[in-house]
Protein backbone atom coordinates (compact mmCIF):
# COMPACT_ATOMS: atom_id res chain seq x y z
CA MET A 1 0.00 0.00 0.00
CA LYS A 2 2.85 2.32 0.88
CA LYS A 3 4.50 1.64 -2.48
CA LEU A 4 1.21 2.24 -4.28
CA SER A 5 0.73 5.57 -2.51
CA LEU A 6 4.25 6.68 -3.50
CA LEU A 7 3.56 5.68 -7.11
CA VAL A 8 0.32 7.68 -7.24
CA MET A 9 2.02 10.70 -5.70
CA SER A 10 4.84 10.48 -8.24
CA ILE A 11 2.36 10.37 -11.13
CA VAL A 12 0.46 13.38 -9.74
CA ILE A 13 3.65 15.37 -9.24
CA ALA A 14 4.96 14.44 -12.69
CA THR A 15 1.65 15.35 -14.31
CA SER A 16 1.51 18.65 -12.43
CA CYS A 17 5.07 19.50 -13.49
CA ASP A 18 4.26 18.62 -17.07
CA ASN A 19 1.11 20.75 -17.06
CA ASP A 20 2.86 23.81 -15.62
CA PHE A 21 6.19 23.46 -17.42
CA GLU A 22 5.48 26.09 -20.07
CA ASN A 23 4.10 28.64 -17.59
CA ILE A 24 6.87 28.11 -15.07
CA ASN A 25 9.58 28.52 -17.71
CA THR A 26 8.08 31.56 -19.41
CA ASN A 27 9.60 34.89 -18.39
CA ASN A 28 6.83 37.45 -18.68
CA ASN A 29 9.43 40.22 -18.50
CA VAL A 30 11.08 39.10 -21.76
CA PRO A 31 8.57 39.51 -24.62
CA THR A 32 8.90 37.32 -27.71
CA ALA A 33 7.22 39.96 -29.90
CA VAL A 34 7.15 43.76 -29.75
CA SER A 35 4.46 45.90 -31.33
CA PRO A 36 5.40 48.19 -34.26
CA ASP A 37 4.83 51.40 -32.30
CA LEU A 38 7.50 50.48 -29.75
CA LEU A 39 9.93 49.37 -32.43
CA LEU A 40 9.33 52.47 -34.57
CA SER A 41 10.29 55.01 -31.95
CA GLY A 42 13.50 53.16 -31.14
CA VAL A 43 14.53 52.83 -34.78
CA ILE A 44 13.94 56.52 -35.46
CA ARG A 45 15.79 57.70 -32.37
CA ASN A 46 18.74 55.37 -32.84
CA THR A 47 19.25 55.92 -36.55
CA VAL A 48 18.89 59.70 -36.51
CA ASN A 49 21.26 59.99 -33.55
CA ASP A 50 23.74 57.79 -35.40
CA GLN A 51 23.35 60.09 -38.41
CA VAL A 52 24.23 63.10 -36.24
CA ASN A 53 27.26 61.36 -34.77
CA GLU A 54 28.52 60.26 -38.19
CA ALA A 55 28.20 63.85 -39.42
CA TRP A 56 30.19 65.04 -36.44
CA GLY A 57 32.91 62.41 -36.59
CA ILE A 58 33.57 62.40 -40.34
CA GLY A 59 30.79 63.75 -42.60
CA ASN A 60 31.26 67.43 -41.79
CA ILE A 61 35.04 67.02 -41.98
CA VAL A 62 35.37 65.28 -45.32
CA VAL A 63 33.21 67.93 -47.06
CA GLN A 64 34.97 70.73 -45.19
CA HIS A 65 32.12 72.08 -43.12
CA THR A 66 34.35 71.56 -40.10
CA ALA A 67 38.04 70.78 -39.55
CA LYS A 68 40.11 69.32 -36.72
CA ILE A 69 42.86 70.96 -34.70
CA GLN A 70 43.77 67.85 -32.69
CA PHE A 71 43.88 64.12 -33.47
CA VAL A 72 43.71 65.01 -37.15
CA ASN A 73 43.94 61.60 -38.84
CA GLU A 74 40.39 61.78 -40.20
CA ASP A 75 41.11 65.21 -41.67
CA ARG A 76 44.27 63.94 -43.36
CA TYR A 77 42.42 60.95 -44.84
CA LEU A 78 44.24 58.40 -42.71
CA TRP A 79 41.09 56.31 -42.52
CA GLY A 80 40.96 52.80 -41.21
CA GLU A 81 37.71 50.98 -40.54
CA ARG A 82 34.69 53.21 -40.09
CA ASN A 83 32.08 50.72 -39.00
CA GLY A 84 29.54 53.06 -37.44
CA VAL A 85 27.31 53.16 -40.52
CA TRP A 86 27.52 49.39 -41.06
CA ASN A 87 26.68 48.56 -37.45
CA SER A 88 23.93 51.17 -37.21
CA VAL A 89 22.22 50.22 -40.46
CA TYR A 90 22.26 46.46 -40.02
CA GLY A 91 21.58 46.64 -36.29
CA ASN A 92 18.50 48.80 -36.76
CA LEU A 93 17.31 47.01 -39.89
CA ARG A 94 16.54 43.97 -37.73
CA ASN A 95 13.81 45.96 -36.02
CA VAL A 96 12.70 47.53 -39.30
CA GLN A 97 12.25 43.98 -40.61
CA ASN A 98 10.31 43.10 -37.46
CA ILE A 99 7.94 45.99 -38.18
CA ILE A 100 7.52 44.81 -41.76
CA THR A 101 6.83 41.23 -40.66
CA SER A 102 4.38 42.33 -37.97
CA ALA A 103 2.55 44.69 -40.33
CA GLU A 104 2.28 42.08 -43.10
CA ASN A 105 1.05 39.38 -40.70
CA ALA A 106 -1.63 41.59 -39.14
CA LYS A 107 -5.26 40.96 -40.08
CA PRO A 108 -5.87 43.16 -42.00
CA VAL A 109 -2.39 44.16 -43.17
CA GLN A 110 -1.20 47.35 -41.45
CA ASN A 111 -0.16 49.27 -44.56
CA ASN A 112 0.64 52.47 -42.66
CA TYR A 113 3.28 50.80 -40.52
CA LEU A 114 4.45 48.79 -43.53
CA GLY A 115 4.86 51.93 -45.66
CA ILE A 116 6.81 53.78 -42.98
CA ALA A 117 9.06 50.75 -42.45
CA LEU A 118 9.77 50.56 -46.20
CA ILE A 119 10.80 54.22 -46.17
CA LEU A 120 13.14 53.70 -43.24
CA LYS A 121 14.52 50.56 -44.85
CA SER A 122 15.21 52.46 -48.08
CA TRP A 123 16.86 55.37 -46.30
CA LEU A 124 19.10 53.12 -44.22
CA PHE A 125 20.18 50.94 -47.14
CA SER A 126 20.93 54.06 -49.20
CA ILE A 127 23.32 55.31 -46.51
CA ALA A 128 25.09 51.97 -46.33
CA THR A 129 25.44 51.44 -50.07
CA ASP A 130 26.56 55.02 -50.68
CA ALA A 131 29.20 54.61 -47.97
CA TYR A 132 30.48 51.14 -48.97
CA GLY A 133 29.16 50.30 -52.45
CA ASP A 134 28.00 46.71 -52.93
CA ILE A 135 26.53 45.40 -49.66
CA PRO A 136 24.21 42.66 -48.38
CA TYR A 137 20.66 43.65 -49.36
CA THR A 138 18.23 40.98 -50.57
CA GLU A 139 19.53 38.38 -48.10
CA ALA A 140 20.21 40.83 -45.26
CA THR A 141 18.18 40.63 -42.01
CA GLN A 142 17.10 37.07 -42.92
CA GLY A 143 18.75 35.31 -39.98
CA LYS A 144 15.61 35.25 -37.84
CA LEU A 145 13.28 34.46 -40.74
CA SER A 146 15.25 31.82 -42.62
CA GLY A 147 18.47 31.14 -40.72
CA LEU A 148 20.59 32.84 -43.39
CA TYR A 149 23.61 34.41 -41.70
CA THR A 150 26.07 34.84 -44.58
CA ALA A 151 24.26 37.14 -46.96
CA LYS A 152 25.50 37.77 -50.48
CA TYR A 153 26.58 41.29 -51.43
CA ASP A 154 24.21 42.75 -54.03
CA THR A 155 25.37 45.16 -56.70
CA GLN A 156 24.70 48.81 -55.95
CA GLU A 157 22.72 49.07 -59.18
CA SER A 158 20.29 46.37 -58.02
CA ILE A 159 20.14 47.85 -54.53
CA TYR A 160 19.04 51.18 -55.94
CA ALA A 161 16.39 49.45 -58.02
CA GLY A 162 15.06 47.90 -54.81
CA ILE A 163 15.21 51.16 -52.87
CA LEU A 164 13.25 53.03 -55.54
CA ALA A 165 10.68 50.23 -55.82
CA ASP A 166 10.14 50.17 -52.05
CA LEU A 167 9.70 53.95 -51.87
CA LYS A 168 7.18 53.83 -54.73
CA LYS A 169 5.28 51.04 -52.97
CA ALA A 170 5.33 52.99 -49.69
CA ASN A 171 3.77 56.02 -51.36
CA GLU A 172 1.06 53.83 -52.89
CA ILE A 173 0.06 51.88 -49.77
CA LEU A 174 0.28 54.59 -47.11
CA GLY A 175 -3.24 55.63 -46.11
CA THR A 176 -4.86 52.48 -47.50
CA SER A 177 -5.34 50.94 -44.05
CA SER A 178 -7.04 52.35 -40.99
CA GLU A 179 -4.56 51.79 -38.14
CA ALA A 180 -3.35 54.90 -36.34
CA VAL A 181 0.43 55.14 -36.17
CA SER A 182 2.05 55.53 -32.76
CA GLY A 183 5.72 55.84 -31.89
CA ASP A 184 6.36 58.23 -34.77
CA LEU A 185 8.96 60.75 -33.55
CA ILE A 186 9.22 62.46 -36.94
CA TYR A 187 5.65 63.20 -38.07
CA ASN A 188 3.51 62.11 -35.12
CA GLY A 189 1.54 59.68 -37.29
CA ASN A 190 0.82 62.09 -40.18
CA ILE A 191 0.59 59.74 -43.16
CA THR A 192 0.60 62.54 -45.76
CA ASN A 193 3.99 63.69 -44.48
CA TRP A 194 5.39 60.18 -44.80
CA ARG A 195 4.17 59.99 -48.40
CA GLU A 196 5.87 63.32 -49.06
CA LEU A 197 9.10 61.96 -47.60
CA ALA A 198 8.85 58.79 -49.71
CA ASN A 199 8.58 60.78 -52.94
CA SER A 200 11.15 63.40 -51.95
CA LEU A 201 13.61 60.60 -51.20
CA ARG A 202 12.79 59.03 -54.57
CA LEU A 203 13.89 62.29 -56.20
CA ARG A 204 17.10 62.33 -54.13
CA TYR A 205 18.00 58.80 -55.18
CA LEU A 206 16.97 59.19 -58.81
CA LEU A 207 19.30 62.17 -59.04
CA ARG A 208 22.02 60.14 -57.33
CA ILE A 209 22.02 57.60 -60.15
CA SER A 210 21.30 60.09 -62.94
CA ASN A 211 24.83 59.86 -64.33
CA LYS A 212 24.34 56.11 -64.87
CA ARG A 213 20.92 55.98 -66.47
CA ASP A 214 18.21 58.24 -67.86
CA VAL A 215 15.92 59.07 -64.96
CA SER A 216 14.02 61.95 -66.59
CA ALA A 217 10.76 60.06 -67.09
CA ASP A 218 10.72 58.85 -63.48
CA VAL A 219 11.57 62.28 -62.07
CA GLN A 220 8.96 64.03 -64.22
CA SER A 221 6.29 61.48 -63.30
CA ILE A 222 6.74 62.41 -59.65
CA VAL A 223 7.01 66.18 -60.06
CA GLY A 224 4.27 66.36 -62.67
CA ASN A 225 1.63 64.59 -60.56
CA PRO A 226 1.66 65.95 -57.00
CA THR A 227 -1.72 64.42 -56.23
CA ALA A 228 -0.48 60.89 -56.76
CA ASN A 229 3.07 61.69 -55.67
CA PRO A 230 3.08 64.43 -53.01
CA ILE A 231 6.45 65.96 -52.13
CA PHE A 232 7.58 68.50 -49.52
CA ILE A 233 5.92 71.88 -49.98
CA ASN A 234 7.53 73.88 -47.15
CA ASN A 235 9.75 73.59 -44.06
CA GLY A 236 6.85 72.20 -42.10
CA ASP A 237 7.32 68.96 -44.03
CA ASN A 238 10.99 68.54 -43.10
CA ALA A 239 11.89 65.02 -41.98
CA VAL A 240 13.70 65.97 -38.78
CA LEU A 241 13.92 64.72 -35.22
CA THR A 242 13.20 67.45 -32.69
CA TYR A 243 15.05 66.83 -29.45
CA LEU A 244 13.86 67.43 -25.90
CA ALA A 245 15.21 69.74 -23.25
CA ALA A 246 15.77 66.88 -20.80
CA ALA A 247 18.11 63.91 -20.93
CA PRO A 248 18.36 61.35 -22.44
CA ASN A 249 16.68 62.73 -25.54
CA GLN A 250 18.67 65.92 -25.97
CA TRP A 251 20.88 66.86 -28.92
CA PRO A 252 23.34 63.92 -29.10
CA LEU A 253 26.41 66.14 -28.69
CA TYR A 254 25.02 67.97 -25.67
CA GLY A 255 26.72 65.62 -23.24
CA SER A 256 30.10 65.75 -24.98
CA ARG A 257 33.31 66.64 -23.12
CA VAL A 258 34.37 70.18 -23.94
CA GLY A 259 37.82 68.98 -24.95
CA SER A 260 36.38 66.47 -27.41
CA PHE A 261 33.97 69.02 -28.81
CA ASP A 262 36.67 71.65 -29.26
CA GLU A 263 38.84 69.36 -31.39
CA PHE A 264 36.40 70.26 -34.16
CA ARG A 265 36.34 73.80 -35.53
CA LEU A 266 34.75 75.69 -38.40
CA SER A 267 36.42 74.82 -41.71
CA LYS A 268 38.09 77.66 -43.57
CA THR A 269 36.46 76.39 -46.76
CA LEU A 270 32.92 76.94 -45.44
CA GLY A 271 33.83 80.02 -43.42
CA ASP A 272 35.50 81.80 -46.33
CA TYR A 273 32.63 81.09 -48.71
CA LEU A 274 29.97 82.39 -46.30
CA THR A 275 32.11 85.42 -45.43
CA LYS A 276 32.66 86.28 -49.09
CA THR A 277 28.93 86.20 -49.78
CA SER A 278 27.95 88.03 -46.54
CA ASP A 279 25.80 85.05 -45.58
CA PRO A 280 24.35 85.39 -42.06
CA ARG A 281 24.30 81.60 -41.66
CA LEU A 282 28.02 81.96 -40.91
CA ARG A 283 27.13 82.82 -37.31
CA VAL A 284 24.95 79.72 -37.03
CA PHE A 285 27.78 77.42 -38.10
CA GLY A 286 30.64 79.17 -36.29
CA ARG A 287 31.37 81.57 -33.42
CA PRO A 288 33.68 84.60 -33.26
CA THR A 289 37.14 83.53 -32.14
CA GLU A 290 37.96 84.01 -28.49
CA ALA A 291 40.96 86.18 -29.42
CA SER A 292 38.87 88.52 -31.57
CA VAL A 293 36.19 88.87 -28.89
CA LYS A 294 38.84 89.68 -26.30
CA ALA A 295 40.28 92.33 -28.64
CA GLY A 296 36.84 93.92 -29.09
CA THR A 297 36.66 93.05 -32.80
CA PRO A 298 34.61 89.85 -33.03
CA ALA A 299 35.37 87.89 -36.19
CA ILE A 300 34.77 84.35 -37.41
CA ALA A 301 37.79 82.52 -38.80
CA GLY A 302 38.01 78.88 -39.85
CA VAL A 303 40.97 76.54 -40.02
CA PRO A 304 42.13 74.73 -43.19
CA ASN A 305 41.33 71.05 -43.41
CA GLY A 306 44.05 68.43 -43.37
CA LEU A 307 46.84 70.18 -41.49
CA GLU A 308 49.19 67.97 -39.49
CA ASP A 309 48.90 68.16 -35.70
CA THR A 310 51.40 70.94 -34.98
CA GLN A 311 50.18 73.11 -37.84
CA ALA A 312 46.55 72.59 -36.93
CA LEU A 313 46.99 73.39 -33.26
CA SER A 314 49.04 76.52 -33.93
CA PHE A 315 47.09 77.91 -36.90
CA ASN A 316 46.25 81.61 -36.57
CA GLY A 317 47.86 81.80 -33.16
CA GLY A 318 46.29 78.66 -31.73
CA PRO A 319 42.78 77.56 -30.67
CA GLN A 320 41.78 81.04 -29.48
CA GLY A 321 42.29 82.30 -33.03
CA VAL A 322 40.02 79.69 -34.67
CA SER A 323 36.23 79.64 -34.53
CA ARG A 324 34.45 76.97 -32.54
CA VAL A 325 31.44 75.20 -34.05
CA GLY A 326 28.21 77.18 -33.78
CA TYR A 327 26.44 77.57 -30.45
CA SER A 328 23.31 75.86 -31.77
CA PHE A 329 25.26 72.58 -31.99
CA ALA A 330 27.32 72.96 -28.81
CA CYS A 331 27.65 70.79 -25.73
CA LEU A 332 26.48 71.79 -22.25
CA VAL A 333 29.87 73.17 -21.17
CA CYS A 334 30.87 74.54 -24.57
CA ASN A 335 29.76 78.09 -23.87
CA ASP A 336 32.11 81.02 -24.34
CA ALA A 337 33.37 83.17 -21.46
CA GLY A 338 30.49 84.93 -19.69
CA GLN A 339 27.92 83.17 -21.86
CA ALA A 340 25.00 81.10 -20.61
CA ALA A 341 24.97 77.38 -21.35
CA PRO A 342 23.56 76.55 -24.79
CA VAL A 343 19.97 75.43 -25.18
CA PRO A 344 19.96 71.60 -25.30
CA ASN A 345 17.54 71.10 -28.19
CA VAL A 346 18.14 73.80 -30.80
CA ALA A 347 19.66 71.63 -33.53
CA ARG A 348 17.64 68.97 -35.31
CA GLY A 349 18.48 65.45 -36.41
CA LEU A 350 18.10 65.58 -40.18
CA ILE A 351 16.84 62.98 -42.63
CA MET A 352 15.76 65.31 -45.44
CA THR A 353 14.61 68.93 -45.72
CA TYR A 354 12.52 71.06 -48.05
CA ALA A 355 15.63 73.10 -48.86
CA GLU A 356 17.47 70.02 -50.13
CA LEU A 357 14.46 69.07 -52.25
CA GLN A 358 14.43 72.51 -53.88
CA PHE A 359 18.08 72.18 -54.88
CA ILE A 360 17.34 68.72 -56.28
CA LEU A 361 14.55 70.21 -58.39
CA ALA A 362 16.78 73.11 -59.45
CA GLU A 363 19.43 70.72 -60.75
CA ALA A 364 16.84 68.47 -62.39
CA ARG A 365 15.30 71.45 -64.21
CA GLU A 366 18.67 72.90 -65.22
CA ARG A 367 19.66 69.54 -66.69
CA ASN A 368 16.26 69.21 -68.42
CA LEU A 369 15.31 66.13 -66.45
CA ILE A 370 11.97 67.82 -65.74
CA THR A 371 9.86 70.44 -67.50
CA THR A 372 8.01 71.69 -64.42
CA GLY A 373 8.95 75.08 -62.92
CA THR A 374 12.16 77.03 -63.43
CA ALA A 375 15.61 76.18 -62.14
CA GLU A 376 16.13 79.67 -60.78
CA ALA A 377 12.90 79.63 -58.78
CA TYR A 378 13.79 76.29 -57.21
CA TYR A 379 17.32 77.50 -56.46
CA LEU A 380 16.16 80.69 -54.75
CA ALA A 381 13.52 78.75 -52.82
CA GLY A 382 16.22 76.39 -51.56
CA ILE A 383 18.36 79.21 -50.18
CA ASN A 384 15.43 80.97 -48.55
CA ALA A 385 14.12 77.70 -47.09
CA ASN A 386 17.42 76.90 -45.40
CA VAL A 387 17.73 80.42 -43.99
CA ASP A 388 14.13 80.28 -42.76
CA PHE A 389 14.77 76.87 -41.18
CA TYR A 390 17.50 78.35 -39.00
CA LYS A 391 15.40 81.41 -38.26
CA SER A 392 12.76 79.08 -36.85
CA ILE A 393 15.06 77.10 -34.53
CA VAL A 394 17.86 79.45 -33.38
CA PRO A 395 16.81 81.19 -30.13
CA SER A 396 16.61 84.97 -30.19
CA SER A 397 18.83 84.96 -27.08
CA TYR A 398 21.74 83.94 -29.31
CA GLY A 399 21.58 87.34 -30.99
CA ILE A 400 21.99 86.02 -34.54
CA ASP A 401 20.35 88.15 -37.23
CA LEU A 402 19.55 85.86 -40.15
CA THR A 403 18.21 88.58 -42.43
CA LEU A 404 19.81 88.27 -45.85
CA PRO A 405 21.55 91.46 -47.10
CA THR A 406 19.51 93.44 -49.64
CA ASN A 407 21.99 92.70 -52.42
CA PHE A 408 22.55 89.07 -51.47
CA PHE A 409 20.98 87.51 -54.56
CA ALA A 410 22.67 89.99 -56.91
CA GLN A 411 26.19 88.90 -55.97
CA THR A 412 28.24 87.21 -58.68
CA ASP A 413 28.67 84.06 -56.59
CA ILE A 414 24.94 83.85 -55.83
CA ALA A 415 23.02 85.27 -58.82
CA TYR A 416 21.54 82.58 -61.02
CA SER A 417 23.52 83.46 -64.13
CA GLY A 418 26.39 82.18 -66.25
CA THR A 419 26.94 78.97 -68.17
CA GLN A 420 25.09 75.79 -67.28
CA THR A 421 28.18 74.52 -65.47
CA GLU A 422 28.36 77.75 -63.45
CA LYS A 423 24.67 77.46 -62.57
CA LEU A 424 25.07 73.84 -61.51
CA ARG A 425 28.07 74.86 -59.40
CA LYS A 426 25.95 77.48 -57.62
CA ILE A 427 23.16 74.97 -57.01
CA GLY A 428 25.62 72.38 -55.72
CA THR A 429 27.42 74.87 -53.48
CA GLN A 430 24.25 76.18 -51.86
CA LYS A 431 23.04 72.62 -51.43
CA TRP A 432 26.35 71.83 -49.71
CA VAL A 433 25.74 74.68 -47.26
CA ALA A 434 22.20 73.45 -46.56
CA LEU A 435 23.42 69.89 -45.88
CA PHE A 436 25.45 70.96 -42.83
CA PHE A 437 25.15 68.23 -40.17
CA ASN A 438 23.07 65.96 -42.41
CA GLY A 439 25.08 62.81 -41.83
CA LEU A 440 27.12 61.82 -44.89
CA GLU A 441 24.70 63.29 -47.42
CA ALA A 442 26.90 66.25 -48.40
CA TRP A 443 29.80 63.84 -49.05
CA PHE A 444 27.64 61.58 -51.18
CA ASP A 445 26.43 64.54 -53.22
CA TRP A 446 29.91 66.04 -53.60
CA ARG A 447 31.19 62.74 -54.96
CA ARG A 448 28.49 62.83 -57.65
CA THR A 449 28.79 66.49 -58.65
CA GLY A 450 32.25 67.66 -57.63
CA PHE A 451 30.66 70.83 -56.21
CA PRO A 452 31.97 72.75 -54.39
CA THR A 453 35.70 72.52 -54.99
CA LEU A 454 37.34 71.08 -51.89
CA ASN A 455 40.85 72.17 -50.94
CA VAL A 456 43.01 69.08 -50.42
CA SER A 457 45.80 69.99 -48.01
CA ALA A 458 49.47 69.39 -48.75
CA SER A 459 49.54 67.42 -45.47
CA ASN A 460 46.97 64.85 -46.60
CA LEU A 461 47.97 61.18 -46.44
CA ASN A 462 45.95 59.90 -49.40
CA GLY A 463 47.89 61.00 -52.45
CA ASP A 464 46.02 64.29 -52.84
CA LYS A 465 42.69 62.51 -53.23
CA VAL A 466 39.51 62.95 -51.20
CA PRO A 467 38.19 59.51 -50.13
CA VAL A 468 35.14 58.25 -52.02
CA ARG A 469 34.01 55.31 -49.86
CA TYR A 470 34.49 53.42 -46.61
CA ILE A 471 36.30 50.10 -46.52
CA TYR A 472 34.30 47.04 -45.48
CA PRO A 473 34.49 46.01 -41.82
CA VAL A 474 37.51 43.76 -41.42
CA ILE A 475 35.45 41.26 -39.44
CA GLU A 476 33.51 40.50 -42.64
CA GLN A 477 36.61 38.68 -43.90
CA SER A 478 36.08 36.00 -41.27
CA LEU A 479 32.30 36.11 -40.85
CA ASN A 480 31.27 36.42 -44.50
CA GLY A 481 34.54 36.08 -46.38
CA ASP A 482 33.42 34.48 -49.64
CA ASN A 483 30.63 36.98 -50.25
CA ARG A 484 32.83 39.93 -49.35
CA ALA A 485 35.58 38.64 -51.67
CA ALA A 486 33.10 38.34 -54.54
CA ALA A 487 32.05 41.96 -54.01
CA VAL A 488 35.65 43.17 -53.98
CA THR A 489 36.42 41.27 -57.17
CA ARG A 490 33.40 42.85 -58.85
CA GLN A 491 33.65 46.37 -57.45
CA GLY A 492 37.40 46.92 -57.13
CA ALA A 493 39.99 47.03 -54.38
CA ASP A 494 38.62 47.48 -50.86
CA VAL A 495 40.22 50.90 -50.37
CA ILE A 496 38.91 54.41 -49.77
CA ASN A 497 39.69 55.49 -53.35
CA THR A 498 37.57 52.90 -55.18
CA ALA A 499 34.49 54.63 -56.56
CA VAL A 500 31.07 53.04 -56.12
CA TRP A 501 28.85 52.20 -59.12
CA TRP A 502 27.02 55.49 -59.45
CA ASP A 503 30.30 57.41 -59.08
CA LYS A 504 32.18 55.60 -61.87
């Protein structure tokens, strides 16, 4: 009887354990699925902040918006691995793919979330392919879905075809489902704005590849039918992340060490151009030197890019004779003597702006890729839009008057006149100004157009050549060696001077 009782008890216990096994071993604090709204906010915040940091660390330098006075290897083109873009894009694309999967599996399909995810996917892949060239695309982010962990590298030409197709699809499906979008830090769920971004990005990327194929029909089809293909119509449509006054969602550089921040200064290339044209944006991008303020004659003076360490640190009498980066972009303790701490959320994290779009349209019209509007009108609208953008965000307490001089547009360097090449140079140069702190976008555009002329320093370490791509992460040689090797064989040597497809 005793043995029988023990047997019954064992069966009961075993059955109980079996019945409760799944519940006991499920951690309710570790979700197996996350809703699109929670994923969306994280993707936007992470990727835009990474865009800001990449602009600060290299983008502004290579296009000579800023220059370095210490630790100058980047400025002299002594580039090793620059894996920030690779890690950011592929790290965040996992959650973009999760949004896509969740939206497609919903009943009914959540086309609003799907459309936004396709836009973010397209934007992120464009950054990666423009930085590296051929990259994993069609087989990327498939580890969770299909167990594929060594993705092939697609050609940049095919990647751009996919990017443009996804943006077109996003424009077509947005607004065709009824779910409200939450977690949207850019447009607060405004679907029309997302459609405008999709089509504005299409124009950016069509122009990017316009030296490789005829894009005129595609560009005109967008511009000529704003009902079906809405694009930005003013600064209110800008795709920007507005930061908060409180941590941790302040301007990403706000918590920087003052020493690290002050390694970067206004570039002489940008400073001289804005000074020559009496452009008030000069005071947004740079501050009067400490030496000139002390002397009672405030003046903004940049430093040439690419000087070696001793030259850079001693230029114009040393750091006090070179302008720091503008107060709107400064860190908490980066205020000048006797000046209040900077406002923590003046600057914006940029994806794309109305000003950039106007310069795209100006170039497209000047090159007869479109028949809508006039190149001059688009060009002037681009300048005014960028000035107005800074008027709207720079606090009055900074004392920066952004009123354009009365003769500003009549100046030789500004007036829309001259040969077609001269007009395209003016468009490209003003676009370059407007792309300040927009990640790597100014570098990508300079590589395509050659505008403006960049001054390669005699102290550069790259054979008098401005780099035109990043090298692949070295770890790819061991993790995905065969696919990387195939891409290098096809594209060219894995060095910073090998042009990508659209740049050849």
